[in-house]
Amino acid sequence: MLAPLVVTPNVTVPPRDLAWVAVRASGPGGQNVNKVSTKVALTFDLAGTTALDDATKARLAAAYPSYIDGRGQLTVTSQATREQPRNLEDARSKLREMIARALVVPKRRKKTRPSKGAQRRRLEAKHHQGDKKRDRRTVD
């Protein structure tokens, strides 16, 4: 059984929303990689969790679409070390960081306009550049 995943003091993912499985890692490692299942796949029930509000779920799904399967399960893997418990902790920290990023509400953009002076300077620069190019032409 997994411990709850504390993201912030106000947001904690309950253990019932998390599941993990150990699989064989890929890559070099000799006999160890062929015999021992050290890679960890941590699954988070994004669609069914009550720990996050709908807006946070939507931001998480939009930010990490390749991590989510058709059932709304978000899967994070880790094979950074040769030890299963350390890979599980690494996967938990990856998930914690992903959720923490999704909790931040992006600022709404204020529509702004360039000032009259900025518009005038831009047009003067364009005219100056055009004058330079016109002066370079050969005169018949």
C-alpha atoms as a PDB file:
ATOM      1  CA  MET A   1       0.000   0.000   0.000  1.00  0.00           C
ATOM      2  CA  LEU A   2       1.292   3.420  -0.928  1.00  0.00           C
ATOM      3  CA  ALA A   3       1.420   6.371   1.399  1.00  0.00           C
ATOM      4  CA  PRO A   4      -0.605   9.478   0.503  1.00  0.00           C
ATOM      5  CA  LEU A   5       1.176  11.810  -1.918  1.00  0.00           C
ATOM      6  CA  VAL A   6       1.453  15.259  -0.319  1.00  0.00           C
ATOM      7  CA  VAL A   7       1.750  17.881  -3.069  1.00  0.00           C
ATOM      8  CA  THR A   8       1.091  21.024  -1.036  1.00  0.00           C
ATOM      9  CA  PRO A   9      -0.236  21.502   2.503  1.00  0.00           C
ATOM     10  CA  ASN A  10      -3.741  21.814   0.986  1.00  0.00           C
ATOM     11  CA  VAL A  11      -3.500  19.094  -1.690  1.00  0.00           C
ATOM     12  CA  THR A  12      -2.901  15.446  -0.848  1.00  0.00           C
ATOM     13  CA  VAL A  13      -3.526  12.568  -3.249  1.00  0.00           C
ATOM     14  CA  PRO A  14      -5.044   9.607  -1.359  1.00  0.00           C
ATOM     15  CA  PRO A  15      -3.496   6.148  -1.770  1.00  0.00           C
ATOM     16  CA  ARG A  16      -6.655   4.801  -3.433  1.00  0.00           C
ATOM     17  CA  ASP A  17      -5.927   7.029  -6.466  1.00  0.00           C
ATOM     18  CA  LEU A  18      -2.400   5.637  -6.860  1.00  0.00           C
ATOM     19  CA  ALA A  19      -1.165   2.246  -8.048  1.00  0.00           C
ATOM     20  CA  TRP A  20       2.239   1.017  -9.100  1.00  0.00           C
ATOM     21  CA  VAL A  21       3.764  -1.950 -10.831  1.00  0.00           C
ATOM     22  CA  ALA A  22       7.390  -3.028 -11.235  1.00  0.00           C
ATOM     23  CA  VAL A  23       8.563  -4.095 -14.691  1.00  0.00           C
ATOM     24  CA  ARG A  24      11.875  -4.975 -16.255  1.00  0.00           C
ATOM     25  CA  ALA A  25      13.923  -1.947 -17.210  1.00  0.00           C
ATOM     26  CA  SER A  26      15.389  -1.457 -20.664  1.00  0.00           C
ATOM     27  CA  GLY A  27      18.919  -0.581 -21.626  1.00  0.00           C
ATOM     28  CA  PRO A  28      22.320  -1.770 -20.437  1.00  0.00           C
ATOM     29  CA  GLY A  29      22.804  -3.473 -17.099  1.00  0.00           C
ATOM     30  CA  GLY A  30      23.835  -7.028 -17.848  1.00  0.00           C
ATOM     31  CA  GLN A  31      22.212  -9.835 -15.902  1.00  0.00           C
ATOM     32  CA  ASN A  32      20.622  -7.439 -13.417  1.00  0.00           C
ATOM     33  CA  VAL A  33      18.368  -5.872 -16.034  1.00  0.00           C
ATOM     34  CA  ASN A  34      17.358  -9.300 -17.349  1.00  0.00           C
ATOM     35  CA  LYS A  35      16.433 -10.772 -13.959  1.00  0.00           C
ATOM     36  CA  VAL A  36      15.230  -7.967 -11.698  1.00  0.00           C
ATOM     37  CA  SER A  37      12.151  -5.799 -12.190  1.00  0.00           C
ATOM     38  CA  THR A  38      13.421  -2.413 -11.053  1.00  0.00           C
ATOM     39  CA  LYS A  39      11.572  -0.045 -13.394  1.00  0.00           C
ATOM     40  CA  VAL A  40       8.485   1.411 -11.743  1.00  0.00           C
ATOM     41  CA  ALA A  41       5.283   2.537 -13.444  1.00  0.00           C
ATOM     42  CA  LEU A  42       3.186   4.719 -11.114  1.00  0.00           C
ATOM     43  CA  THR A  43      -0.438   5.202 -12.177  1.00  0.00           C
ATOM     44  CA  PHE A  44      -2.629   8.063 -10.978  1.00  0.00           C
ATOM     45  CA  ASP A  45      -6.416   7.923 -11.483  1.00  0.00           C
ATOM     46  CA  LEU A  46      -6.787  11.431 -12.890  1.00  0.00           C
ATOM     47  CA  ALA A  47     -10.381  10.982 -14.058  1.00  0.00           C
ATOM     48  CA  GLY A  48     -11.643   9.534 -10.772  1.00  0.00           C
ATOM     49  CA  THR A  49      -9.699  11.486  -8.178  1.00  0.00           C
ATOM     50  CA  THR A  50     -11.422  13.875  -5.796  1.00  0.00           C
ATOM     51  CA  ALA A  51      -8.152  15.419  -4.595  1.00  0.00           C
ATOM     52  CA  LEU A  52      -8.017  17.855  -7.536  1.00  0.00           C
ATOM     53  CA  ASP A  53     -10.652  20.228  -8.871  1.00  0.00           C
ATOM     54  CA  ASP A  54     -11.803  20.036 -12.495  1.00  0.00           C
ATOM     55  CA  ALA A  55      -9.734  23.037 -13.629  1.00  0.00           C
ATOM     56  CA  THR A  56      -6.533  21.502 -12.241  1.00  0.00           C
ATOM     57  CA  LYS A  57      -7.366  18.155 -13.859  1.00  0.00           C
ATOM     58  CA  ALA A  58      -7.877  19.913 -17.191  1.00  0.00           C
ATOM     59  CA  ARG A  59      -4.547  21.783 -16.903  1.00  0.00           C
ATOM     60  CA  LEU A  60      -2.761  18.534 -15.986  1.00  0.00           C
ATOM     61  CA  ALA A  61      -4.328  16.698 -18.928  1.00  0.00           C
ATOM     62  CA  ALA A  62      -3.466  19.546 -21.311  1.00  0.00           C
ATOM     63  CA  ALA A  63       0.130  19.776 -20.101  1.00  0.00           C
ATOM     64  CA  TYR A  64       0.867  16.023 -20.238  1.00  0.00           C
ATOM     65  CA  PRO A  65      -1.386  14.422 -22.885  1.00  0.00           C
ATOM     66  CA  SER A  66       1.078  11.642 -23.758  1.00  0.00           C
ATOM     67  CA  TYR A  67       1.075  10.394 -20.153  1.00  0.00           C
ATOM     68  CA  ILE A  68      -2.693   9.793 -20.090  1.00  0.00           C
ATOM     69  CA  ASP A  69      -4.422   6.711 -21.469  1.00  0.00           C
ATOM     70  CA  GLY A  70      -7.994   6.350 -22.714  1.00  0.00           C
ATOM     71  CA  ARG A  71      -9.382   5.584 -19.244  1.00  0.00           C
ATOM     72  CA  GLY A  72      -8.027   8.807 -17.734  1.00  0.00           C
ATOM     73  CA  GLN A  73      -5.080   7.167 -15.989  1.00  0.00           C
ATOM     74  CA  LEU A  74      -1.863   9.210 -15.827  1.00  0.00           C
ATOM     75  CA  THR A  75       1.230   6.986 -15.805  1.00  0.00           C
ATOM     76  CA  VAL A  76       4.715   8.087 -14.723  1.00  0.00           C
ATOM     77  CA  THR A  77       7.693   5.740 -15.045  1.00  0.00           C
ATOM     78  CA  SER A  78      11.161   5.732 -13.549  1.00  0.00           C
ATOM     79  CA  GLN A  79      14.166   3.554 -14.221  1.00  0.00           C
ATOM     80  CA  ALA A  80      16.816   5.995 -13.012  1.00  0.00           C
ATOM     81  CA  THR A  81      18.344   3.623 -10.464  1.00  0.00           C
ATOM     82  CA  ARG A  82      18.864  -0.113 -10.053  1.00  0.00           C
ATOM     83  CA  GLU A  83      16.710  -0.196  -6.926  1.00  0.00           C
ATOM     84  CA  GLN A  84      12.952  -0.533  -7.028  1.00  0.00           C
ATOM     85  CA  PRO A  85      12.169   1.575  -3.899  1.00  0.00           C
ATOM     86  CA  ARG A  86      14.306   4.474  -5.150  1.00  0.00           C
ATOM     87  CA  ASN A  87      12.617   4.331  -8.570  1.00  0.00           C
ATOM     88  CA  LEU A  88       9.209   4.355  -6.861  1.00  0.00           C
ATOM     89  CA  GLU A  89      10.202   7.440  -4.870  1.00  0.00           C
ATOM     90  CA  ASP A  90      11.530   9.076  -8.064  1.00  0.00           C
ATOM     91  CA  ALA A  91       8.231   8.389  -9.869  1.00  0.00           C
ATOM     92  CA  ARG A  92       6.291   9.799  -6.900  1.00  0.00           C
ATOM     93  CA  SER A  93       8.405  12.978  -6.945  1.00  0.00           C
ATOM     94  CA  LYS A  94       7.856  13.330 -10.719  1.00  0.00           C
ATOM     95  CA  LEU A  95       4.086  13.027 -10.227  1.00  0.00           C
ATOM     96  CA  ARG A  96       4.216  15.472  -7.300  1.00  0.00           C
ATOM     97  CA  GLU A  97       6.020  18.025  -9.486  1.00  0.00           C
ATOM     98  CA  MET A  98       3.558  17.557 -12.370  1.00  0.00           C
ATOM     99  CA  ILE A  99       0.568  18.131 -10.090  1.00  0.00           C
ATOM    100  CA  ALA A 100       2.244  21.134  -8.433  1.00  0.00           C
ATOM    101  CA  ARG A 101       2.752  22.749 -11.869  1.00  0.00           C
ATOM    102  CA  ALA A 102      -0.891  22.123 -12.780  1.00  0.00           C
ATOM    103  CA  LEU A 103      -2.075  23.743  -9.528  1.00  0.00           C
ATOM    104  CA  VAL A 104      -0.689  27.112 -10.640  1.00  0.00           C
ATOM    105  CA  VAL A 105      -3.427  29.104 -12.353  1.00  0.00           C
ATOM    106  CA  PRO A 106      -1.962  30.996 -15.326  1.00  0.00           C
ATOM    107  CA  LYS A 107      -2.464  34.750 -15.369  1.00  0.00           C
ATOM    108  CA  ARG A 108      -4.967  36.090 -17.854  1.00  0.00           C
ATOM    109  CA  ARG A 109      -3.379  38.232 -20.533  1.00  0.00           C
ATOM    110  CA  LYS A 110      -4.328  41.884 -20.569  1.00  0.00           C
ATOM    111  CA  LYS A 111      -4.830  43.241 -24.058  1.00  0.00           C
ATOM    112  CA  THR A 112      -2.519  46.163 -24.660  1.00  0.00           C
ATOM    113  CA  ARG A 113      -1.922  48.528 -27.545  1.00  0.00           C
ATOM    114  CA  PRO A 114       1.299  50.172 -28.630  1.00  0.00           C
ATOM    115  CA  SER A 115       1.434  53.855 -27.723  1.00  0.00           C
ATOM    116  CA  LYS A 116       1.120  56.557 -30.387  1.00  0.00           C
ATOM    117  CA  GLY A 117       4.820  57.327 -29.973  1.00  0.00           C
ATOM    118  CA  ALA A 118       5.759  53.660 -30.467  1.00  0.00           C
ATOM    119  CA  GLN A 119       3.644  53.487 -33.614  1.00  0.00           C
ATOM    120  CA  ARG A 120       5.238  56.697 -34.941  1.00  0.00           C
ATOM    121  CA  ARG A 121       8.782  55.451 -34.199  1.00  0.00           C
ATOM    122  CA  ARG A 122       8.042  52.124 -35.918  1.00  0.00           C
ATOM    123  CA  LEU A 123       6.790  53.841 -39.063  1.00  0.00           C
ATOM    124  CA  GLU A 124       9.735  56.261 -39.077  1.00  0.00           C
ATOM    125  CA  ALA A 125      12.150  53.322 -38.825  1.00  0.00           C
ATOM    126  CA  LYS A 126      10.391  51.619 -41.753  1.00  0.00           C
ATOM    127  CA  HIS A 127      10.598  54.791 -43.850  1.00  0.00           C
ATOM    128  CA  HIS A 128      14.268  55.214 -42.940  1.00  0.00           C
ATOM    129  CA  GLN A 129      15.017  51.613 -43.997  1.00  0.00           C
ATOM    130  CA  GLY A 130      13.100  52.127 -47.270  1.00  0.00           C
ATOM    131  CA  ASP A 131      15.009  55.368 -47.955  1.00  0.00           C
ATOM    132  CA  LYS A 132      18.321  53.531 -47.465  1.00  0.00           C
ATOM    133  CA  LYS A 133      17.309  50.820 -49.907  1.00  0.00           C
ATOM    134  CA  ARG A 134      16.007  53.365 -52.423  1.00  0.00           C
ATOM    135  CA  ASP A 135      19.325  55.286 -52.247  1.00  0.00           C
ATOM    136  CA  ARG A 136      21.246  52.089 -53.073  1.00  0.00           C
ATOM    137  CA  ARG A 137      19.453  51.631 -56.403  1.00  0.00           C
ATOM    138  CA  THR A 138      21.263  52.484 -59.580  1.00  0.00           C
ATOM    139  CA  VAL A 139      19.959  55.506 -61.405  1.00  0.00           C
ATOM    140  CA  ASP A 140      19.396  55.138 -65.163  1.00  0.00           C
END
